[in-house]
Amino acid sequence: MIGGSSILNFSLIMETYVIVQWPDVQSLMDFDWFQDECHLISDENGVEKYGSSAYFVPKSRIDSLKS
């Protein structure tokens, strides 16, 4: 604490996501990070366009798998 107030430092990192559809996303679901970092596309327009089992997956995770 400095002068009675605390200073909070943080970084905001913008993550880029890619859409991964079924069945391709199935191979990612076993990774430890999947449930915490990936997001099911569940809005009506997204489900219509990509299907009911498509996810937003961090691009950095996809890139790391290609290496």
C-alpha atoms as a PDB file:
ATOM      1  CA  MET A   1       0.000   0.000   0.000  1.00  0.00           C
ATOM      2  CA  ILE A   2       1.223   3.426  -0.887  1.00  0.00           C
ATOM      3  CA  GLY A   3      -0.268   6.393   0.941  1.00  0.00           C
ATOM      4  CA  GLY A   4      -3.194   4.350   2.218  1.00  0.00           C
ATOM      5  CA  SER A   5      -4.315   3.081  -1.168  1.00  0.00           C
ATOM      6  CA  SER A   6      -3.350  -0.042  -2.983  1.00  0.00           C
ATOM      7  CA  ILE A   7      -2.049  -0.008  -6.516  1.00  0.00           C
ATOM      8  CA  LEU A   8      -3.281  -2.717  -8.806  1.00  0.00           C
ATOM      9  CA  ASN A   9      -1.217  -3.613 -11.844  1.00  0.00           C
ATOM     10  CA  PHE A  10      -2.667  -5.730 -14.582  1.00  0.00           C
ATOM     11  CA  SER A  11      -2.314  -6.406 -18.271  1.00  0.00           C
ATOM     12  CA  LEU A  12      -5.192  -6.772 -20.665  1.00  0.00           C
ATOM     13  CA  ILE A  13      -4.282  -9.199 -23.376  1.00  0.00           C
ATOM     14  CA  MET A  14      -6.667  -9.492 -26.272  1.00  0.00           C
ATOM     15  CA  GLU A  15      -6.939 -13.094 -27.391  1.00  0.00           C
ATOM     16  CA  THR A  16      -7.920 -14.025 -30.929  1.00  0.00           C
ATOM     17  CA  TYR A  17     -10.264 -16.971 -31.268  1.00  0.00           C
ATOM     18  CA  VAL A  18     -10.995 -19.291 -34.156  1.00  0.00           C
ATOM     19  CA  ILE A  19     -14.153 -21.290 -34.675  1.00  0.00           C
ATOM     20  CA  VAL A  20     -13.649 -25.038 -34.621  1.00  0.00           C
ATOM     21  CA  GLN A  21     -16.594 -27.166 -35.683  1.00  0.00           C
ATOM     22  CA  TRP A  22     -17.542 -30.752 -34.933  1.00  0.00           C
ATOM     23  CA  PRO A  23     -15.943 -33.227 -35.449  1.00  0.00           C
ATOM     24  CA  ASP A  24     -12.592 -31.368 -35.491  1.00  0.00           C
ATOM     25  CA  VAL A  25     -13.178 -29.884 -32.035  1.00  0.00           C
ATOM     26  CA  GLN A  26     -13.479 -33.363 -30.537  1.00  0.00           C
ATOM     27  CA  SER A  27      -9.698 -33.847 -30.707  1.00  0.00           C
ATOM     28  CA  LEU A  28      -9.201 -30.691 -28.590  1.00  0.00           C
ATOM     29  CA  MET A  29     -11.609 -31.611 -25.809  1.00  0.00           C
ATOM     30  CA  ASP A  30      -9.108 -33.827 -23.962  1.00  0.00           C
ATOM     31  CA  PHE A  31      -6.616 -31.011 -23.400  1.00  0.00           C
ATOM     32  CA  ASP A  32      -6.454 -29.597 -19.852  1.00  0.00           C
ATOM     33  CA  TRP A  33      -7.110 -26.060 -21.062  1.00  0.00           C
ATOM     34  CA  PHE A  34     -10.192 -26.803 -23.176  1.00  0.00           C
ATOM     35  CA  GLN A  35     -12.953 -26.279 -20.604  1.00  0.00           C
ATOM     36  CA  ASP A  36     -11.412 -23.106 -19.185  1.00  0.00           C
ATOM     37  CA  GLU A  37     -10.390 -21.436 -22.430  1.00  0.00           C
ATOM     38  CA  CYS A  38     -12.870 -22.532 -25.094  1.00  0.00           C
ATOM     39  CA  HIS A  39     -16.427 -21.304 -25.446  1.00  0.00           C
ATOM     40  CA  LEU A  40     -19.387 -23.123 -26.974  1.00  0.00           C
ATOM     41  CA  ILE A  41     -21.184 -21.151 -29.668  1.00  0.00           C
ATOM     42  CA  SER A  42     -24.729 -21.195 -28.347  1.00  0.00           C
ATOM     43  CA  ASP A  43     -26.520 -18.201 -29.837  1.00  0.00           C
ATOM     44  CA  GLU A  44     -29.170 -18.959 -32.439  1.00  0.00           C
ATOM     45  CA  ASN A  45     -27.307 -17.414 -35.383  1.00  0.00           C
ATOM     46  CA  GLY A  46     -24.043 -19.112 -34.460  1.00  0.00           C
ATOM     47  CA  VAL A  47     -25.687 -22.517 -34.094  1.00  0.00           C
ATOM     48  CA  GLU A  48     -27.431 -22.079 -37.453  1.00  0.00           C
ATOM     49  CA  LYS A  49     -24.185 -21.135 -39.178  1.00  0.00           C
ATOM     50  CA  TYR A  50     -21.658 -23.435 -37.433  1.00  0.00           C
ATOM     51  CA  GLY A  51     -23.722 -26.212 -35.807  1.00  0.00           C
ATOM     52  CA  SER A  52     -24.559 -27.029 -32.206  1.00  0.00           C
ATOM     53  CA  SER A  53     -21.090 -28.316 -31.300  1.00  0.00           C
ATOM     54  CA  ALA A  54     -18.813 -25.535 -32.520  1.00  0.00           C
ATOM     55  CA  TYR A  55     -16.452 -23.716 -30.170  1.00  0.00           C
ATOM     56  CA  PHE A  56     -14.408 -20.546 -30.035  1.00  0.00           C
ATOM     57  CA  VAL A  57     -10.858 -21.776 -29.430  1.00  0.00           C
ATOM     58  CA  PRO A  58      -7.890 -19.500 -28.672  1.00  0.00           C
ATOM     59  CA  LYS A  59      -5.800 -19.134 -31.820  1.00  0.00           C
ATOM     60  CA  SER A  60      -2.659 -19.393 -29.700  1.00  0.00           C
ATOM     61  CA  ARG A  61      -3.682 -22.936 -28.698  1.00  0.00           C
ATOM     62  CA  ILE A  62      -4.280 -23.960 -32.309  1.00  0.00           C
ATOM     63  CA  ASP A  63      -0.933 -22.437 -33.323  1.00  0.00           C
ATOM     64  CA  SER A  64       0.891 -24.280 -30.534  1.00  0.00           C
ATOM     65  CA  LEU A  65      -0.511 -27.596 -31.783  1.00  0.00           C
ATOM     66  CA  LYS A  66       0.849 -26.922 -35.273  1.00  0.00           C
ATOM     67  CA  SER A  67       4.392 -26.419 -33.954  1.00  0.00           C
END
